[in-house]
Amino acid sequence: MTPTALGDTLAHIVRAVPGVAFLAPGITGRLRSAFQDPRQSGPPRGALRVSRRNGAGPWEIEARIVTLAGYRACDVTRATRSAILAHLQADGATVGHGAAVKVTITGIV
């Protein structure tokens, strides 16, 4: 699975976690949105980084999210991390093996 394909799938999974308002866009995403073609396929991933060290190691995933008021930040963070890891493990034992998942809350709305 490519990092782009995995990132698109994980973006949908993260948005579905209770308490997640949206993936926090970085400055690059904000600038890109001004020039982006609305007909472009694929969901915007926001601040979801998916990579592999040396191109073949375990997945390294970083999700920057904004939560909804009324939800405990630690619960949303744990649920987001669990949802990502569950998808990786369901996708295949080798895909999720040794994956590093970091979730950061950048705001509350």
N, C-alpha and C. Protein backbone atom coordinates (compact mmCIF):
# COMPACT_ATOMS: atom_id res chain seq x y z
N MET A 1 0.85 -1.18 0.00
CA MET A 1 0.00 0.00 0.00
C MET A 1 0.89 1.24 0.00
N THR A 2 0.52 2.21 -0.81
CA THR A 2 1.31 3.44 -0.90
C THR A 2 0.95 4.37 0.26
N PRO A 3 1.87 5.26 0.62
CA PRO A 3 1.54 6.22 1.69
C PRO A 3 0.34 7.09 1.34
N THR A 4 0.17 7.45 0.07
CA THR A 4 -0.96 8.28 -0.33
C THR A 4 -2.28 7.55 -0.15
N ALA A 5 -2.33 6.29 -0.60
CA ALA A 5 -3.56 5.50 -0.46
C ALA A 5 -3.89 5.25 1.00
N LEU A 6 -2.88 4.91 1.79
CA LEU A 6 -3.10 4.68 3.22
C LEU A 6 -3.55 5.98 3.89
N GLY A 7 -2.93 7.10 3.54
CA GLY A 7 -3.30 8.39 4.11
C GLY A 7 -4.74 8.76 3.82
N ASP A 8 -5.19 8.51 2.58
CA ASP A 8 -6.59 8.81 2.22
C ASP A 8 -7.55 7.97 3.05
N THR A 9 -7.23 6.69 3.20
CA THR A 9 -8.08 5.79 3.99
C THR A 9 -8.10 6.21 5.45
N LEU A 10 -6.93 6.51 6.00
CA LEU A 10 -6.85 6.91 7.40
C LEU A 10 -7.53 8.25 7.65
N ALA A 11 -7.52 9.13 6.68
CA ALA A 11 -8.21 10.41 6.84
C ALA A 11 -9.70 10.19 7.06
N HIS A 12 -10.29 9.27 6.31
CA HIS A 12 -11.72 8.95 6.51
C HIS A 12 -11.94 8.33 7.88
N ILE A 13 -11.05 7.45 8.30
CA ILE A 13 -11.18 6.77 9.59
C ILE A 13 -11.08 7.77 10.74
N VAL A 14 -10.11 8.67 10.65
CA VAL A 14 -9.92 9.66 11.73
C VAL A 14 -11.12 10.59 11.83
N ARG A 15 -11.65 11.02 10.69
CA ARG A 15 -12.82 11.92 10.72
C ARG A 15 -14.04 11.26 11.34
N ALA A 16 -14.10 9.93 11.31
CA ALA A 16 -15.26 9.21 11.85
C ALA A 16 -15.17 8.97 13.36
N VAL A 17 -14.04 9.28 13.96
CA VAL A 17 -13.87 9.08 15.41
C VAL A 17 -14.74 10.10 16.16
N PRO A 18 -15.54 9.64 17.12
CA PRO A 18 -16.36 10.58 17.90
C PRO A 18 -15.49 11.62 18.61
N GLY A 19 -15.86 12.88 18.46
CA GLY A 19 -15.11 13.96 19.09
C GLY A 19 -14.13 14.66 18.17
N VAL A 20 -13.84 14.06 17.01
CA VAL A 20 -12.94 14.70 16.05
C VAL A 20 -13.76 15.65 15.18
N ALA A 21 -13.39 16.93 15.18
CA ALA A 21 -14.07 17.91 14.34
C ALA A 21 -13.53 17.82 12.91
N PHE A 22 -12.21 17.84 12.80
CA PHE A 22 -11.57 17.74 11.49
C PHE A 22 -10.08 17.58 11.67
N LEU A 23 -9.40 17.22 10.58
CA LEU A 23 -7.94 17.19 10.57
C LEU A 23 -7.47 18.63 10.43
N ALA A 24 -6.54 19.02 11.26
CA ALA A 24 -6.07 20.41 11.27
C ALA A 24 -5.19 20.68 10.06
N PRO A 25 -5.58 21.63 9.23
CA PRO A 25 -4.73 21.94 8.08
C PRO A 25 -3.50 22.73 8.51
N GLY A 26 -2.39 22.42 7.90
CA GLY A 26 -1.18 23.20 8.14
C GLY A 26 -1.15 24.38 7.19
N ILE A 27 -0.10 25.16 7.25
CA ILE A 27 0.00 26.34 6.38
C ILE A 27 0.05 25.92 4.92
N THR A 28 0.69 24.79 4.63
CA THR A 28 0.75 24.31 3.25
C THR A 28 -0.63 24.00 2.74
N GLY A 29 -1.43 23.34 3.55
CA GLY A 29 -2.79 23.01 3.14
C GLY A 29 -3.65 24.23 2.95
N ARG A 30 -3.45 25.23 3.78
CA ARG A 30 -4.22 26.47 3.65
C ARG A 30 -3.88 27.21 2.36
N LEU A 31 -2.60 27.25 2.06
CA LEU A 31 -2.19 27.91 0.82
C LEU A 31 -2.63 27.11 -0.39
N ARG A 32 -2.49 25.80 -0.31
CA ARG A 32 -2.86 24.95 -1.43
C ARG A 32 -4.36 25.04 -1.71
N SER A 33 -5.18 25.18 -0.68
CA SER A 33 -6.62 25.22 -0.88
C SER A 33 -7.05 26.41 -1.72
N ALA A 34 -6.30 27.48 -1.68
CA ALA A 34 -6.64 28.66 -2.47
C ALA A 34 -6.44 28.41 -3.97
N PHE A 35 -5.57 27.46 -4.30
CA PHE A 35 -5.25 27.20 -5.70
C PHE A 35 -5.70 25.82 -6.16
N GLN A 36 -6.37 25.08 -5.30
CA GLN A 36 -6.74 23.70 -5.61
C GLN A 36 -7.96 23.64 -6.52
N ASP A 37 -7.92 22.73 -7.47
CA ASP A 37 -9.04 22.49 -8.37
C ASP A 37 -10.12 21.73 -7.61
N PRO A 38 -11.34 22.25 -7.49
CA PRO A 38 -12.38 21.57 -6.73
C PRO A 38 -12.78 20.23 -7.33
N ARG A 39 -12.42 19.99 -8.58
CA ARG A 39 -12.75 18.72 -9.23
C ARG A 39 -11.71 17.65 -8.95
N GLN A 40 -10.65 18.01 -8.24
CA GLN A 40 -9.58 17.06 -7.96
C GLN A 40 -10.13 15.89 -7.15
N SER A 41 -9.72 14.69 -7.52
CA SER A 41 -10.22 13.51 -6.81
C SER A 41 -9.48 13.28 -5.51
N GLY A 42 -10.11 12.54 -4.63
CA GLY A 42 -9.50 12.20 -3.35
C GLY A 42 -9.84 13.21 -2.27
N PRO A 43 -10.00 12.72 -1.04
CA PRO A 43 -10.34 13.61 0.06
C PRO A 43 -9.13 14.41 0.52
N PRO A 44 -9.34 15.63 1.01
CA PRO A 44 -8.21 16.37 1.58
C PRO A 44 -7.77 15.68 2.87
N ARG A 45 -6.47 15.50 3.02
CA ARG A 45 -5.98 14.76 4.17
C ARG A 45 -5.64 15.65 5.35
N GLY A 46 -5.56 16.94 5.15
CA GLY A 46 -5.22 17.81 6.27
C GLY A 46 -3.87 17.47 6.84
N ALA A 47 -3.76 17.48 8.13
CA ALA A 47 -2.48 17.25 8.79
C ALA A 47 -2.34 15.78 9.17
N LEU A 48 -2.32 14.94 8.18
CA LEU A 48 -2.11 13.51 8.39
C LEU A 48 -0.88 13.12 7.59
N ARG A 49 0.18 12.78 8.30
CA ARG A 49 1.43 12.42 7.63
C ARG A 49 1.64 10.92 7.75
N VAL A 50 1.90 10.30 6.63
CA VAL A 50 2.13 8.86 6.58
C VAL A 50 3.45 8.64 5.86
N SER A 51 4.38 7.96 6.52
CA SER A 51 5.68 7.71 5.90
C SER A 51 6.27 6.42 6.45
N ARG A 52 7.35 6.02 5.81
CA ARG A 52 8.13 4.87 6.27
C ARG A 52 9.59 5.29 6.32
N ARG A 53 10.23 4.98 7.41
CA ARG A 53 11.66 5.28 7.52
C ARG A 53 12.40 4.40 6.51
N ASN A 54 13.26 4.99 5.75
CA ASN A 54 14.04 4.29 4.72
C ASN A 54 13.16 3.64 3.65
N GLY A 55 11.92 4.03 3.57
CA GLY A 55 11.04 3.52 2.53
C GLY A 55 10.51 2.12 2.73
N ALA A 56 11.01 1.38 3.71
CA ALA A 56 10.56 0.00 3.87
C ALA A 56 10.30 -0.38 5.33
N GLY A 57 10.57 0.50 6.25
CA GLY A 57 10.38 0.18 7.67
C GLY A 57 8.91 0.23 8.05
N PRO A 58 8.64 0.17 9.35
CA PRO A 58 7.24 0.26 9.80
C PRO A 58 6.66 1.65 9.52
N TRP A 59 5.35 1.70 9.41
CA TRP A 59 4.67 2.97 9.14
C TRP A 59 4.87 3.94 10.30
N GLU A 60 5.04 5.20 9.97
CA GLU A 60 5.09 6.29 10.95
C GLU A 60 3.95 7.23 10.57
N ILE A 61 2.99 7.36 11.47
CA ILE A 61 1.78 8.13 11.18
C ILE A 61 1.63 9.23 12.21
N GLU A 62 1.40 10.44 11.72
CA GLU A 62 1.17 11.58 12.61
C GLU A 62 -0.14 12.23 12.20
N ALA A 63 -1.06 12.32 13.14
CA ALA A 63 -2.37 12.94 12.89
C ALA A 63 -2.50 14.16 13.78
N ARG A 64 -2.77 15.31 13.17
CA ARG A 64 -3.03 16.55 13.91
C ARG A 64 -4.51 16.83 13.75
N ILE A 65 -5.24 16.84 14.87
CA ILE A 65 -6.69 16.96 14.81
C ILE A 65 -7.19 18.13 15.65
N VAL A 66 -8.41 18.54 15.34
CA VAL A 66 -9.14 19.52 16.14
C VAL A 66 -10.34 18.77 16.71
N THR A 67 -10.57 18.92 18.01
CA THR A 67 -11.66 18.19 18.66
C THR A 67 -12.88 19.08 18.87
N LEU A 68 -13.98 18.43 19.14
CA LEU A 68 -15.23 19.13 19.46
C LEU A 68 -15.29 19.42 20.95
N ALA A 69 -15.81 20.58 21.30
CA ALA A 69 -15.99 20.91 22.72
C ALA A 69 -16.97 19.90 23.32
N GLY A 70 -16.77 19.56 24.55
CA GLY A 70 -17.64 18.60 25.20
C GLY A 70 -17.07 17.19 25.22
N TYR A 71 -15.96 16.98 24.53
CA TYR A 71 -15.27 15.69 24.54
C TYR A 71 -13.95 15.86 25.27
N ARG A 72 -13.59 14.86 26.02
CA ARG A 72 -12.30 14.90 26.72
C ARG A 72 -11.18 14.68 25.71
N ALA A 73 -10.20 15.56 25.71
CA ALA A 73 -9.11 15.48 24.74
C ALA A 73 -8.37 14.15 24.81
N CYS A 74 -8.11 13.66 26.01
CA CYS A 74 -7.37 12.40 26.13
C CYS A 74 -8.18 11.23 25.56
N ASP A 75 -9.50 11.25 25.73
CA ASP A 75 -10.34 10.17 25.17
C ASP A 75 -10.35 10.21 23.65
N VAL A 76 -10.42 11.40 23.08
CA VAL A 76 -10.42 11.53 21.62
C VAL A 76 -9.07 11.11 21.06
N THR A 77 -8.00 11.49 21.72
CA THR A 77 -6.66 11.10 21.28
C THR A 77 -6.50 9.59 21.30
N ARG A 78 -6.91 8.96 22.39
CA ARG A 78 -6.80 7.50 22.49
C ARG A 78 -7.66 6.80 21.44
N ALA A 79 -8.88 7.29 21.24
CA ALA A 79 -9.78 6.68 20.26
C ALA A 79 -9.23 6.84 18.85
N THR A 80 -8.63 7.97 18.56
CA THR A 80 -8.04 8.20 17.23
C THR A 80 -6.88 7.26 17.00
N ARG A 81 -6.00 7.16 17.97
CA ARG A 81 -4.85 6.26 17.86
C ARG A 81 -5.31 4.82 17.72
N SER A 82 -6.29 4.42 18.51
CA SER A 82 -6.81 3.05 18.44
C SER A 82 -7.44 2.76 17.09
N ALA A 83 -8.17 3.72 16.52
CA ALA A 83 -8.80 3.52 15.22
C ALA A 83 -7.75 3.34 14.12
N ILE A 84 -6.69 4.13 14.19
CA ILE A 84 -5.61 4.00 13.20
C ILE A 84 -4.93 2.64 13.32
N LEU A 85 -4.57 2.26 14.54
CA LEU A 85 -3.91 0.97 14.75
C LEU A 85 -4.81 -0.20 14.37
N ALA A 86 -6.10 -0.10 14.68
CA ALA A 86 -7.03 -1.17 14.32
C ALA A 86 -7.10 -1.35 12.81
N HIS A 87 -7.11 -0.24 12.08
CA HIS A 87 -7.13 -0.35 10.62
C HIS A 87 -5.85 -1.00 10.11
N LEU A 88 -4.71 -0.58 10.65
CA LEU A 88 -3.44 -1.15 10.20
C LEU A 88 -3.37 -2.65 10.48
N GLN A 89 -3.85 -3.06 11.64
CA GLN A 89 -3.82 -4.48 11.99
C GLN A 89 -4.82 -5.29 11.17
N ALA A 90 -5.97 -4.70 10.86
CA ALA A 90 -6.97 -5.39 10.05
C ALA A 90 -6.51 -5.51 8.61
N ASP A 91 -5.67 -4.57 8.18
CA ASP A 91 -5.18 -4.55 6.81
C ASP A 91 -4.12 -5.62 6.57
N GLY A 92 -3.58 -6.18 7.60
CA GLY A 92 -2.57 -7.23 7.46
C GLY A 92 -1.57 -7.14 8.58
N ALA A 93 -1.12 -8.30 9.04
CA ALA A 93 -0.22 -8.34 10.19
C ALA A 93 1.08 -7.59 9.92
N THR A 94 1.59 -7.65 8.70
CA THR A 94 2.85 -6.98 8.42
C THR A 94 2.68 -5.48 8.26
N VAL A 95 1.50 -5.05 7.86
CA VAL A 95 1.27 -3.61 7.66
C VAL A 95 1.30 -2.87 8.99
N GLY A 96 0.65 -3.42 10.01
CA GLY A 96 0.56 -2.75 11.30
C GLY A 96 1.70 -3.05 12.25
N HIS A 97 2.55 -4.02 11.92
CA HIS A 97 3.62 -4.43 12.82
C HIS A 97 4.62 -3.30 13.04
N GLY A 98 4.77 -2.89 14.27
CA GLY A 98 5.75 -1.87 14.63
C GLY A 98 5.39 -0.45 14.25
N ALA A 99 4.16 -0.22 13.87
CA ALA A 99 3.75 1.12 13.45
C ALA A 99 3.82 2.09 14.61
N ALA A 100 4.27 3.30 14.32
CA ALA A 100 4.32 4.37 15.31
C ALA A 100 3.22 5.38 14.97
N VAL A 101 2.32 5.61 15.92
CA VAL A 101 1.20 6.53 15.69
C VAL A 101 1.26 7.65 16.72
N LYS A 102 1.27 8.87 16.23
CA LYS A 102 1.31 10.05 17.10
C LYS A 102 0.08 10.90 16.77
N VAL A 103 -0.69 11.23 17.80
CA VAL A 103 -1.89 12.07 17.61
C VAL A 103 -1.71 13.33 18.44
N THR A 104 -1.88 14.48 17.80
CA THR A 104 -1.74 15.76 18.47
C THR A 104 -3.02 16.56 18.28
N ILE A 105 -3.53 17.10 19.36
CA ILE A 105 -4.71 17.97 19.28
C ILE A 105 -4.21 19.41 19.17
N THR A 106 -4.65 20.07 18.11
CA THR A 106 -4.19 21.44 17.86
C THR A 106 -5.23 22.49 18.21
N GLY A 107 -6.46 22.06 18.51
CA GLY A 107 -7.49 23.03 18.87
C GLY A 107 -8.79 22.36 19.27
N ILE A 108 -9.69 23.16 19.82
CA ILE A 108 -11.01 22.69 20.23
C ILE A 108 -12.03 23.68 19.68
N VAL A 109 -13.07 23.16 19.04
CA VAL A 109 -14.13 24.04 18.52
C VAL A 109 -15.46 23.64 19.10
